[in-house]
Amino acid sequence: MPTLHADDSRLLDALRGLRWPAQRQVHHAANSAHLARKLGPAAELSEYRAYRQGDDPRRIDWKLLARTDRAYIRLAQEHSQLSTVLLLDASASLAWPTDTQAKWQQARRLALGLAAATHQAGDPVGLLVAQGLATEGTEADATPSQQLHQLPARTQAGVVQQIAHLLRGIQPQGSVALAPAMQPLKAQRLVVISDFLGSDADNEHLLAAAVQFCARGREVFALHLIDAAELNPPRQLDVLHDSEAPHLRRNLNARVRLQYQQNFTQWREQLALRWRQRGAQFSTVLSDEASVQAVRRIVKGITP
């Protein structure tokens, strides 16, 4: 079993006992902490119905039969598992600011904390990280490529520690496309953790995939990572450049700074609105927000 980093251990200790409840009733599956859509022979009584040919005789309420001379089946709300996959963006923009990599560190802690809350609810939890690779060719014709790091969703002891170990070994770089990684996933709950600074085409495909997930009764959470310096660039910063396309640069004078802030605010508001209109839970997380607090509010459904 991989040894936990001290910071990861402290995070998990602070979240001990936290469980992530389902936002809606889920399809019937193996026993867990969430109410299922199907009524069955669980211990907690919900209602009765008349015995029908083919029903399991062991489900008959024999005491009621003795009193009324009628055979009834005891029905109760069963509990189901909610398989959860965490999809992380590990592109170069998540490694910003370069001296602290605050956005990536927050993304990593969020994933670990939500994995723990999922596992503590008795649910399978898995991880999929899209990491960019070095590009080939000139800057003008370079074609991005990516590597997928994956741990399948499971409930076994030690899965949270394995997720922590995998995340510790990843360095954000290059550019990625999250939509192709999202579309084949079969999880009942999907969590996308990104700054959504990839291509417009990938963001559109992500939204289309979210629509399909929600239409099937699945839960989708989009967590938008932002650093405070992205909201208000430092005064000493006089040049803006794209982390995933370093050749794109722009002088940051007072007029450009104001226009940038207005455009960034408008883009963030539109991004949140579009995800929520498609049935997803959308939450903004600043890189300097306390990770334990962020995990707890996401689990509780508080989405600023």
C-alpha atoms as a PDB file:
ATOM      1  CA  MET A   1       0.000   0.000   0.000  1.00  0.00           C
ATOM      2  CA  PRO A   2       1.499   3.416  -0.984  1.00  0.00           C
ATOM      3  CA  THR A   3       2.529   5.612   1.947  1.00  0.00           C
ATOM      4  CA  LEU A   4       0.440   8.768   2.254  1.00  0.00           C
ATOM      5  CA  HIS A   5       2.116  12.166   2.080  1.00  0.00           C
ATOM      6  CA  ALA A   6       1.741  14.034   5.379  1.00  0.00           C
ATOM      7  CA  ASP A   7      -0.430  16.758   3.784  1.00  0.00           C
ATOM      8  CA  ASP A   8      -2.734  14.157   2.234  1.00  0.00           C
ATOM      9  CA  SER A   9      -3.022  12.358   5.547  1.00  0.00           C
ATOM     10  CA  ARG A  10      -4.043  15.583   7.313  1.00  0.00           C
ATOM     11  CA  LEU A  11      -6.658  16.285   4.638  1.00  0.00           C
ATOM     12  CA  LEU A  12      -8.184  12.821   4.964  1.00  0.00           C
ATOM     13  CA  ASP A  13      -8.188  13.064   8.756  1.00  0.00           C
ATOM     14  CA  ALA A  14     -10.093  16.358   8.554  1.00  0.00           C
ATOM     15  CA  LEU A  15     -12.699  14.728   6.275  1.00  0.00           C
ATOM     16  CA  ARG A  16     -13.044  11.501   8.217  1.00  0.00           C
ATOM     17  CA  GLY A  17     -16.673  10.408   8.364  1.00  0.00           C
ATOM     18  CA  LEU A  18     -17.838  12.761   5.598  1.00  0.00           C
ATOM     19  CA  ARG A  19     -20.160  11.003   3.142  1.00  0.00           C
ATOM     20  CA  TRP A  20     -21.284  12.274  -0.242  1.00  0.00           C
ATOM     21  CA  PRO A  21     -25.047  11.746  -0.605  1.00  0.00           C
ATOM     22  CA  ALA A  22     -26.759  11.345  -3.960  1.00  0.00           C
ATOM     23  CA  GLN A  23     -28.561  14.422  -5.323  1.00  0.00           C
ATOM     24  CA  ARG A  24     -31.436  12.224  -6.509  1.00  0.00           C
ATOM     25  CA  GLN A  25     -32.651   8.663  -6.076  1.00  0.00           C
ATOM     26  CA  VAL A  26     -30.481   6.287  -8.069  1.00  0.00           C
ATOM     27  CA  HIS A  27     -31.135   3.106  -9.986  1.00  0.00           C
ATOM     28  CA  HIS A  28     -31.222  -0.128  -7.990  1.00  0.00           C
ATOM     29  CA  ALA A  29     -27.806  -1.698  -7.446  1.00  0.00           C
ATOM     30  CA  ALA A  30     -25.787  -3.252  -4.651  1.00  0.00           C
ATOM     31  CA  ASN A  31     -26.377  -2.037  -1.096  1.00  0.00           C
ATOM     32  CA  SER A  32     -24.914   1.317  -0.141  1.00  0.00           C
ATOM     33  CA  ALA A  33     -25.932   4.624   1.443  1.00  0.00           C
ATOM     34  CA  HIS A  34     -28.281   6.027  -1.215  1.00  0.00           C
ATOM     35  CA  LEU A  35     -32.024   5.494  -1.673  1.00  0.00           C
ATOM     36  CA  ALA A  36     -32.757   3.462  -4.795  1.00  0.00           C
ATOM     37  CA  ARG A  37     -35.623   3.956  -7.224  1.00  0.00           C
ATOM     38  CA  LYS A  38     -36.678   0.343  -6.817  1.00  0.00           C
ATOM     39  CA  LEU A  39     -38.714  -0.979  -3.896  1.00  0.00           C
ATOM     40  CA  GLY A  40     -37.523  -4.290  -2.541  1.00  0.00           C
ATOM     41  CA  PRO A  41     -37.278  -6.510   0.557  1.00  0.00           C
ATOM     42  CA  ALA A  42     -35.074  -4.272   2.649  1.00  0.00           C
ATOM     43  CA  ALA A  43     -35.334  -4.067   6.418  1.00  0.00           C
ATOM     44  CA  GLU A  44     -37.010  -0.633   6.630  1.00  0.00           C
ATOM     45  CA  LEU A  45     -40.733  -0.974   5.783  1.00  0.00           C
ATOM     46  CA  SER A  46     -42.127   1.387   3.157  1.00  0.00           C
ATOM     47  CA  GLU A  47     -45.400  -0.238   2.046  1.00  0.00           C
ATOM     48  CA  TYR A  48     -47.207  -3.532   1.299  1.00  0.00           C
ATOM     49  CA  ARG A  49     -48.542  -5.017  -1.909  1.00  0.00           C
ATOM     50  CA  ALA A  50     -50.516  -8.178  -2.607  1.00  0.00           C
ATOM     51  CA  TYR A  51     -48.559 -11.354  -3.233  1.00  0.00           C
ATOM     52  CA  ARG A  52     -48.350 -12.264  -6.937  1.00  0.00           C
ATOM     53  CA  GLN A  53     -47.471 -15.512  -8.675  1.00  0.00           C
ATOM     54  CA  GLY A  54     -43.708 -15.717  -8.984  1.00  0.00           C
ATOM     55  CA  ASP A  55     -42.881 -13.609  -5.919  1.00  0.00           C
ATOM     56  CA  ASP A  56     -40.377 -15.016  -3.478  1.00  0.00           C
ATOM     57  CA  PRO A  57     -42.434 -16.626  -0.643  1.00  0.00           C
ATOM     58  CA  ARG A  58     -39.751 -15.537   1.816  1.00  0.00           C
ATOM     59  CA  ARG A  59     -40.922 -11.930   1.333  1.00  0.00           C
ATOM     60  CA  ILE A  60     -44.455 -12.674   2.565  1.00  0.00           C
ATOM     61  CA  ASP A  61     -45.429 -11.002   5.845  1.00  0.00           C
ATOM     62  CA  TRP A  62     -46.567 -14.178   7.637  1.00  0.00           C
ATOM     63  CA  LYS A  63     -47.874 -12.347  10.698  1.00  0.00           C
ATOM     64  CA  LEU A  64     -50.141 -10.222   8.517  1.00  0.00           C
ATOM     65  CA  LEU A  65     -51.257 -13.344   6.675  1.00  0.00           C
ATOM     66  CA  ALA A  66     -52.222 -14.990   9.967  1.00  0.00           C
ATOM     67  CA  ARG A  67     -54.282 -11.950  11.011  1.00  0.00           C
ATOM     68  CA  THR A  68     -56.029 -11.199   7.715  1.00  0.00           C
ATOM     69  CA  ASP A  69     -55.837 -14.472   5.772  1.00  0.00           C
ATOM     70  CA  ARG A  70     -54.335 -12.469   2.887  1.00  0.00           C
ATOM     71  CA  ALA A  71     -50.789 -12.729   1.552  1.00  0.00           C
ATOM     72  CA  TYR A  72     -48.866  -9.459   1.267  1.00  0.00           C
ATOM     73  CA  ILE A  73     -45.258  -8.662   0.359  1.00  0.00           C
ATOM     74  CA  ARG A  74     -43.307  -6.220   2.523  1.00  0.00           C
ATOM     75  CA  LEU A  75     -41.720  -3.501   0.368  1.00  0.00           C
ATOM     76  CA  ALA A  76     -39.040  -1.095   1.478  1.00  0.00           C
ATOM     77  CA  GLN A  77     -36.765   1.495  -0.051  1.00  0.00           C
ATOM     78  CA  GLU A  78     -33.558  -0.284  -0.925  1.00  0.00           C
ATOM     79  CA  HIS A  79     -30.194   1.397  -1.024  1.00  0.00           C
ATOM     80  CA  SER A  80     -27.937   1.597  -4.056  1.00  0.00           C
ATOM     81  CA  GLN A  81     -24.337   2.360  -4.866  1.00  0.00           C
ATOM     82  CA  LEU A  82     -23.408   5.471  -6.811  1.00  0.00           C
ATOM     83  CA  SER A  83     -20.329   4.780  -8.899  1.00  0.00           C
ATOM     84  CA  THR A  84     -18.256   7.978  -9.090  1.00  0.00           C
ATOM     85  CA  VAL A  85     -15.429   8.944 -11.450  1.00  0.00           C
ATOM     86  CA  LEU A  86     -13.279  12.051 -10.978  1.00  0.00           C
ATOM     87  CA  LEU A  87     -12.054  13.509 -14.305  1.00  0.00           C
ATOM     88  CA  LEU A  88      -9.099  15.874 -13.818  1.00  0.00           C
ATOM     89  CA  ASP A  89      -7.567  18.366 -16.213  1.00  0.00           C
ATOM     90  CA  ALA A  90      -3.756  18.181 -15.958  1.00  0.00           C
ATOM     91  CA  SER A  91      -2.898  20.656 -18.711  1.00  0.00           C
ATOM     92  CA  ALA A  92      -0.252  23.367 -18.447  1.00  0.00           C
ATOM     93  CA  SER A  93      -2.728  26.047 -17.343  1.00  0.00           C
ATOM     94  CA  LEU A  94      -3.341  24.065 -14.133  1.00  0.00           C
ATOM     95  CA  ALA A  95       0.365  24.475 -13.281  1.00  0.00           C
ATOM     96  CA  TRP A  96      -0.135  28.221 -12.851  1.00  0.00           C
ATOM     97  CA  PRO A  97       1.195  30.170 -11.037  1.00  0.00           C
ATOM     98  CA  THR A  98       4.390  28.381 -11.990  1.00  0.00           C
ATOM     99  CA  ASP A  99       6.125  29.027  -8.671  1.00  0.00           C
ATOM    100  CA  THR A 100       3.397  27.435  -6.531  1.00  0.00           C
ATOM    101  CA  GLN A 101       1.198  25.468  -8.975  1.00  0.00           C
ATOM    102  CA  ALA A 102      -1.631  26.527  -6.685  1.00  0.00           C
ATOM    103  CA  LYS A 103      -4.400  25.564  -9.118  1.00  0.00           C
ATOM    104  CA  TRP A 104      -3.091  22.017  -9.572  1.00  0.00           C
ATOM    105  CA  GLN A 105      -2.510  21.538  -5.849  1.00  0.00           C
ATOM    106  CA  GLN A 106      -6.104  22.585  -5.185  1.00  0.00           C
ATOM    107  CA  ALA A 107      -7.403  20.310  -7.966  1.00  0.00           C
ATOM    108  CA  ARG A 108      -5.442  17.392  -6.516  1.00  0.00           C
ATOM    109  CA  ARG A 109      -6.740  18.010  -2.981  1.00  0.00           C
ATOM    110  CA  LEU A 110     -10.325  18.385  -4.195  1.00  0.00           C
ATOM    111  CA  ALA A 111     -10.111  15.077  -6.034  1.00  0.00           C
ATOM    112  CA  LEU A 112      -8.640  13.324  -3.012  1.00  0.00           C
ATOM    113  CA  GLY A 113     -11.203  14.782  -0.611  1.00  0.00           C
ATOM    114  CA  LEU A 114     -14.167  13.936  -2.838  1.00  0.00           C
ATOM    115  CA  ALA A 115     -12.775  10.445  -3.377  1.00  0.00           C
ATOM    116  CA  ALA A 116     -12.660   9.968   0.396  1.00  0.00           C
ATOM    117  CA  ALA A 117     -16.254  11.221   0.837  1.00  0.00           C
ATOM    118  CA  THR A 118     -17.401   8.846  -1.911  1.00  0.00           C
ATOM    119  CA  HIS A 119     -15.537   5.869  -0.475  1.00  0.00           C
ATOM    120  CA  GLN A 120     -16.824   6.566   3.046  1.00  0.00           C
ATOM    121  CA  ALA A 121     -20.376   6.376   1.653  1.00  0.00           C
ATOM    122  CA  GLY A 122     -19.627   2.824   0.500  1.00  0.00           C
ATOM    123  CA  ASP A 123     -19.560   3.792  -3.172  1.00  0.00           C
ATOM    124  CA  PRO A 124     -17.076   2.835  -5.905  1.00  0.00           C
ATOM    125  CA  VAL A 125     -14.725   5.685  -6.783  1.00  0.00           C
ATOM    126  CA  GLY A 126     -12.321   5.964  -9.703  1.00  0.00           C
ATOM    127  CA  LEU A 127      -9.974   8.510 -11.225  1.00  0.00           C
ATOM    128  CA  LEU A 128      -9.170   9.632 -14.773  1.00  0.00           C
ATOM    129  CA  VAL A 129      -6.488  12.282 -15.345  1.00  0.00           C
ATOM    130  CA  ALA A 130      -5.856  13.837 -18.763  1.00  0.00           C
ATOM    131  CA  GLN A 131      -2.247  15.035 -18.906  1.00  0.00           C
ATOM    132  CA  GLY A 132      -0.805  16.881 -21.890  1.00  0.00           C
ATOM    133  CA  LEU A 133       2.326  15.657 -23.634  1.00  0.00           C
ATOM    134  CA  ALA A 134       5.056  17.552 -25.426  1.00  0.00           C
ATOM    135  CA  THR A 135       4.016  18.725 -28.886  1.00  0.00           C
ATOM    136  CA  GLU A 136       5.937  18.109 -32.071  1.00  0.00           C
ATOM    137  CA  GLY A 137       6.553  20.495 -34.954  1.00  0.00           C
ATOM    138  CA  THR A 138       6.526  24.278 -34.976  1.00  0.00           C
ATOM    139  CA  GLU A 139       4.347  26.357 -32.707  1.00  0.00           C
ATOM    140  CA  ALA A 140       2.032  27.140 -35.615  1.00  0.00           C
ATOM    141  CA  ASP A 141       1.322  23.557 -36.643  1.00  0.00           C
ATOM    142  CA  ALA A 142       1.910  21.724 -33.349  1.00  0.00           C
ATOM    143  CA  THR A 143      -0.697  19.084 -32.596  1.00  0.00           C
ATOM    144  CA  PRO A 144      -1.412  18.495 -28.892  1.00  0.00           C
ATOM    145  CA  SER A 145      -1.510  14.970 -27.538  1.00  0.00           C
ATOM    146  CA  GLN A 146      -2.321  13.610 -24.124  1.00  0.00           C
ATOM    147  CA  GLN A 147      -1.881  10.689 -21.773  1.00  0.00           C
ATOM    148  CA  LEU A 148      -4.708   9.276 -19.668  1.00  0.00           C
ATOM    149  CA  HIS A 149      -3.940   8.042 -16.153  1.00  0.00           C
ATOM    150  CA  GLN A 150      -6.779   5.872 -14.885  1.00  0.00           C
ATOM    151  CA  LEU A 151      -7.883   3.970 -11.817  1.00  0.00           C
ATOM    152  CA  PRO A 152     -11.195   2.119 -12.346  1.00  0.00           C
ATOM    153  CA  ALA A 153     -14.020   2.777  -9.900  1.00  0.00           C
ATOM    154  CA  ARG A 154     -14.044   0.325  -6.994  1.00  0.00           C
ATOM    155  CA  THR A 155     -14.849   0.089  -3.301  1.00  0.00           C
ATOM    156  CA  GLN A 156     -11.841  -1.893  -2.070  1.00  0.00           C
ATOM    157  CA  ALA A 157      -9.876  -0.688   0.927  1.00  0.00           C
ATOM    158  CA  GLY A 158      -6.894   1.382  -0.134  1.00  0.00           C
ATOM    159  CA  VAL A 159      -8.455   2.929  -3.252  1.00  0.00           C
ATOM    160  CA  VAL A 160      -8.241   6.447  -1.780  1.00  0.00           C
ATOM    161  CA  GLN A 161      -4.553   5.953  -0.979  1.00  0.00           C
ATOM    162  CA  GLN A 162      -3.960   4.757  -4.551  1.00  0.00           C
ATOM    163  CA  ILE A 163      -5.657   7.877  -5.890  1.00  0.00           C
ATOM    164  CA  ALA A 164      -3.469  10.063  -3.658  1.00  0.00           C
ATOM    165  CA  HIS A 165      -0.328   8.262  -4.858  1.00  0.00           C
ATOM    166  CA  LEU A 166      -1.259   8.598  -8.540  1.00  0.00           C
ATOM    167  CA  LEU A 167      -2.025  12.307  -8.233  1.00  0.00           C
ATOM    168  CA  ARG A 168       1.266  13.001  -6.458  1.00  0.00           C
ATOM    169  CA  GLY A 169       3.141  11.638  -9.482  1.00  0.00           C
ATOM    170  CA  ILE A 170       1.499  13.849 -12.125  1.00  0.00           C
ATOM    171  CA  GLN A 171       2.916  17.109 -13.443  1.00  0.00           C
ATOM    172  CA  PRO A 172       0.443  19.301 -15.394  1.00  0.00           C
ATOM    173  CA  GLN A 173       1.704  20.116 -18.872  1.00  0.00           C
ATOM    174  CA  GLY A 174       0.705  20.585 -22.486  1.00  0.00           C
ATOM    175  CA  SER A 175      -2.913  20.853 -23.634  1.00  0.00           C
ATOM    176  CA  VAL A 176      -5.687  18.285 -23.284  1.00  0.00           C
ATOM    177  CA  ALA A 177      -9.150  17.465 -24.596  1.00  0.00           C
ATOM    178  CA  LEU A 178     -11.445  16.330 -21.790  1.00  0.00           C
ATOM    179  CA  ALA A 179     -14.544  15.525 -23.849  1.00  0.00           C
ATOM    180  CA  PRO A 180     -13.152  12.346 -25.492  1.00  0.00           C
ATOM    181  CA  ALA A 181     -12.203  11.037 -22.043  1.00  0.00           C
ATOM    182  CA  MET A 182     -15.631  11.883 -20.600  1.00  0.00           C
ATOM    183  CA  GLN A 183     -17.902  10.436 -23.274  1.00  0.00           C
ATOM    184  CA  PRO A 184     -17.246   6.679 -22.758  1.00  0.00           C
ATOM    185  CA  LEU A 185     -17.503   6.809 -18.949  1.00  0.00           C
ATOM    186  CA  LYS A 186     -20.332   4.789 -17.392  1.00  0.00           C
ATOM    187  CA  ALA A 187     -20.282   6.226 -13.875  1.00  0.00           C
ATOM    188  CA  GLN A 188     -23.504   7.282 -12.124  1.00  0.00           C
ATOM    189  CA  ARG A 189     -21.751  10.432 -10.898  1.00  0.00           C
ATOM    190  CA  LEU A 190     -19.071  12.298 -12.847  1.00  0.00           C
ATOM    191  CA  VAL A 191     -16.935  15.106 -11.433  1.00  0.00           C
ATOM    192  CA  VAL A 192     -15.019  17.305 -13.903  1.00  0.00           C
ATOM    193  CA  ILE A 193     -12.242  19.341 -12.274  1.00  0.00           C
ATOM    194  CA  SER A 194     -10.737  21.907 -14.651  1.00  0.00           C
ATOM    195  CA  ASP A 195     -10.093  25.580 -15.320  1.00  0.00           C
ATOM    196  CA  PHE A 196     -11.949  25.117 -18.635  1.00  0.00           C
ATOM    197  CA  LEU A 197      -9.266  27.083 -20.481  1.00  0.00           C
ATOM    198  CA  GLY A 198      -9.000  24.465 -23.221  1.00  0.00           C
ATOM    199  CA  SER A 199     -10.296  24.948 -26.728  1.00  0.00           C
ATOM    200  CA  ASP A 200     -13.799  26.247 -27.385  1.00  0.00           C
ATOM    201  CA  ALA A 201     -14.515  23.060 -29.332  1.00  0.00           C
ATOM    202  CA  ASP A 202     -13.609  20.833 -26.380  1.00  0.00           C
ATOM    203  CA  ASN A 203     -15.768  22.916 -24.026  1.00  0.00           C
ATOM    204  CA  GLU A 204     -18.716  22.541 -26.407  1.00  0.00           C
ATOM    205  CA  HIS A 205     -18.195  18.770 -26.594  1.00  0.00           C
ATOM    206  CA  LEU A 206     -17.965  18.620 -22.801  1.00  0.00           C
ATOM    207  CA  LEU A 207     -21.325  20.358 -22.492  1.00  0.00           C
ATOM    208  CA  ALA A 208     -22.862  17.990 -25.035  1.00  0.00           C
ATOM    209  CA  ALA A 209     -21.568  14.999 -23.076  1.00  0.00           C
ATOM    210  CA  ALA A 210     -22.949  16.501 -19.846  1.00  0.00           C
ATOM    211  CA  VAL A 211     -26.395  16.721 -21.445  1.00  0.00           C
ATOM    212  CA  GLN A 212     -26.254  13.011 -22.279  1.00  0.00           C
ATOM    213  CA  PHE A 213     -25.154  12.110 -18.740  1.00  0.00           C
ATOM    214  CA  CYS A 214     -27.923  14.120 -17.100  1.00  0.00           C
ATOM    215  CA  ALA A 215     -30.538  12.799 -19.534  1.00  0.00           C
ATOM    216  CA  ARG A 216     -29.740   9.279 -18.308  1.00  0.00           C
ATOM    217  CA  GLY A 217     -30.408  10.293 -14.706  1.00  0.00           C
ATOM    218  CA  ARG A 218     -26.713  10.577 -13.811  1.00  0.00           C
ATOM    219  CA  GLU A 219     -25.121  13.340 -11.764  1.00  0.00           C
ATOM    220  CA  VAL A 220     -22.551  15.724 -13.243  1.00  0.00           C
ATOM    221  CA  PHE A 221     -20.441  18.112 -11.179  1.00  0.00           C
ATOM    222  CA  ALA A 222     -18.241  20.747 -12.846  1.00  0.00           C
ATOM    223  CA  LEU A 223     -15.637  22.324 -10.562  1.00  0.00           C
ATOM    224  CA  HIS A 224     -14.063  25.465 -11.997  1.00  0.00           C
ATOM    225  CA  LEU A 225     -10.535  26.138 -10.648  1.00  0.00           C
ATOM    226  CA  ILE A 226      -9.465  29.795 -10.591  1.00  0.00           C
ATOM    227  CA  ASP A 227      -6.436  31.522  -9.085  1.00  0.00           C
ATOM    228  CA  ALA A 228      -6.851  34.949  -7.484  1.00  0.00           C
ATOM    229  CA  ALA A 229      -4.227  36.369  -9.845  1.00  0.00           C
ATOM    230  CA  GLU A 230      -6.446  35.402 -12.779  1.00  0.00           C
ATOM    231  CA  LEU A 231      -9.233  37.537 -11.358  1.00  0.00           C
ATOM    232  CA  ASN A 232      -6.936  40.483 -10.640  1.00  0.00           C
ATOM    233  CA  PRO A 233      -3.534  40.233 -12.380  1.00  0.00           C
ATOM    234  CA  PRO A 234      -0.654  41.615 -10.275  1.00  0.00           C
ATOM    235  CA  ARG A 235       0.239  45.220 -11.067  1.00  0.00           C
ATOM    236  CA  GLN A 236       3.833  44.255 -11.806  1.00  0.00           C
ATOM    237  CA  LEU A 237       2.679  41.831 -14.517  1.00  0.00           C
ATOM    238  CA  ASP A 238       3.077  43.636 -17.838  1.00  0.00           C
ATOM    239  CA  VAL A 239       2.655  40.733 -20.300  1.00  0.00           C
ATOM    240  CA  LEU A 240      -0.088  38.102 -20.576  1.00  0.00           C
ATOM    241  CA  HIS A 241       0.688  34.758 -22.169  1.00  0.00           C
ATOM    242  CA  ASP A 242      -1.183  31.508 -22.727  1.00  0.00           C
ATOM    243  CA  SER A 243       0.280  28.664 -20.618  1.00  0.00           C
ATOM    244  CA  GLU A 244      -0.731  26.093 -23.233  1.00  0.00           C
ATOM    245  CA  ALA A 245       0.419  28.224 -26.181  1.00  0.00           C
ATOM    246  CA  PRO A 246       3.407  30.271 -24.903  1.00  0.00           C
ATOM    247  CA  HIS A 247       3.843  32.022 -28.248  1.00  0.00           C
ATOM    248  CA  LEU A 248       0.568  33.893 -27.639  1.00  0.00           C
ATOM    249  CA  ARG A 249       1.467  37.055 -25.723  1.00  0.00           C
ATOM    250  CA  ARG A 250      -0.164  40.441 -25.124  1.00  0.00           C
ATOM    251  CA  ASN A 251       1.038  43.586 -23.387  1.00  0.00           C
ATOM    252  CA  LEU A 252      -0.955  44.289 -20.221  1.00  0.00           C
ATOM    253  CA  ASN A 253      -1.457  48.033 -20.004  1.00  0.00           C
ATOM    254  CA  ALA A 254      -4.259  49.668 -17.978  1.00  0.00           C
ATOM    255  CA  ARG A 255      -6.788  49.519 -20.823  1.00  0.00           C
ATOM    256  CA  VAL A 256      -6.014  45.888 -21.658  1.00  0.00           C
ATOM    257  CA  ARG A 257      -6.130  44.954 -17.956  1.00  0.00           C
ATOM    258  CA  LEU A 258      -9.628  46.397 -17.546  1.00  0.00           C
ATOM    259  CA  GLN A 259     -10.867  44.747 -20.731  1.00  0.00           C
ATOM    260  CA  TYR A 260      -9.374  41.422 -19.632  1.00  0.00           C
ATOM    261  CA  GLN A 261     -11.142  41.568 -16.258  1.00  0.00           C
ATOM    262  CA  GLN A 262     -14.479  42.392 -17.878  1.00  0.00           C
ATOM    263  CA  ASN A 263     -14.119  39.610 -20.454  1.00  0.00           C
ATOM    264  CA  PHE A 264     -13.015  37.061 -17.854  1.00  0.00           C
ATOM    265  CA  THR A 265     -15.949  37.886 -15.572  1.00  0.00           C
ATOM    266  CA  GLN A 266     -18.428  37.611 -18.443  1.00  0.00           C
ATOM    267  CA  TRP A 267     -16.908  34.310 -19.603  1.00  0.00           C
ATOM    268  CA  ARG A 268     -17.077  32.798 -16.104  1.00  0.00           C
ATOM    269  CA  GLU A 269     -20.720  33.798 -15.671  1.00  0.00           C
ATOM    270  CA  GLN A 270     -21.673  32.374 -19.055  1.00  0.00           C
ATOM    271  CA  LEU A 271     -19.741  29.171 -18.383  1.00  0.00           C
ATOM    272  CA  ALA A 272     -21.547  28.578 -15.084  1.00  0.00           C
ATOM    273  CA  LEU A 273     -24.939  29.349 -16.614  1.00  0.00           C
ATOM    274  CA  ARG A 274     -24.462  26.980 -19.538  1.00  0.00           C
ATOM    275  CA  TRP A 275     -23.439  24.047 -17.337  1.00  0.00           C
ATOM    276  CA  ARG A 276     -26.343  24.619 -14.953  1.00  0.00           C
ATOM    277  CA  GLN A 277     -28.831  24.932 -17.816  1.00  0.00           C
ATOM    278  CA  ARG A 278     -27.777  21.442 -18.890  1.00  0.00           C
ATOM    279  CA  GLY A 279     -28.559  19.940 -15.499  1.00  0.00           C
ATOM    280  CA  ALA A 280     -25.052  19.895 -14.013  1.00  0.00           C
ATOM    281  CA  GLN A 281     -23.925  21.167 -10.622  1.00  0.00           C
ATOM    282  CA  PHE A 282     -21.373  23.937 -11.247  1.00  0.00           C
ATOM    283  CA  SER A 283     -19.117  25.327  -8.547  1.00  0.00           C
ATOM    284  CA  THR A 284     -16.221  27.779  -8.598  1.00  0.00           C
ATOM    285  CA  VAL A 285     -13.235  26.971  -6.377  1.00  0.00           C
ATOM    286  CA  LEU A 286     -10.434  29.471  -5.793  1.00  0.00           C
ATOM    287  CA  SER A 287      -6.956  28.019  -5.471  1.00  0.00           C
ATOM    288  CA  ASP A 288      -6.482  29.624  -2.045  1.00  0.00           C
ATOM    289  CA  GLU A 289      -9.799  28.362  -0.572  1.00  0.00           C
ATOM    290  CA  ALA A 290      -9.347  25.902   2.283  1.00  0.00           C
ATOM    291  CA  SER A 291      -9.607  22.496   0.632  1.00  0.00           C
ATOM    292  CA  VAL A 292     -11.543  20.909   3.504  1.00  0.00           C
ATOM    293  CA  GLN A 293     -14.102  23.720   3.347  1.00  0.00           C
ATOM    294  CA  ALA A 294     -14.396  23.410  -0.443  1.00  0.00           C
ATOM    295  CA  VAL A 295     -14.944  19.649  -0.294  1.00  0.00           C
ATOM    296  CA  ARG A 296     -17.578  19.992   2.417  1.00  0.00           C
ATOM    297  CA  ARG A 297     -19.606  22.625   0.558  1.00  0.00           C
ATOM    298  CA  ILE A 298     -19.472  20.636  -2.696  1.00  0.00           C
ATOM    299  CA  VAL A 299     -20.708  17.533  -0.885  1.00  0.00           C
ATOM    300  CA  LYS A 300     -23.496  19.610   0.688  1.00  0.00           C
ATOM    301  CA  GLY A 301     -24.502  21.000  -2.713  1.00  0.00           C
ATOM    302  CA  ILE A 302     -23.458  24.608  -1.999  1.00  0.00           C
ATOM    303  CA  THR A 303     -22.401  25.993  -5.393  1.00  0.00           C
ATOM    304  CA  PRO A 304     -21.328  29.668  -5.433  1.00  0.00           C
END
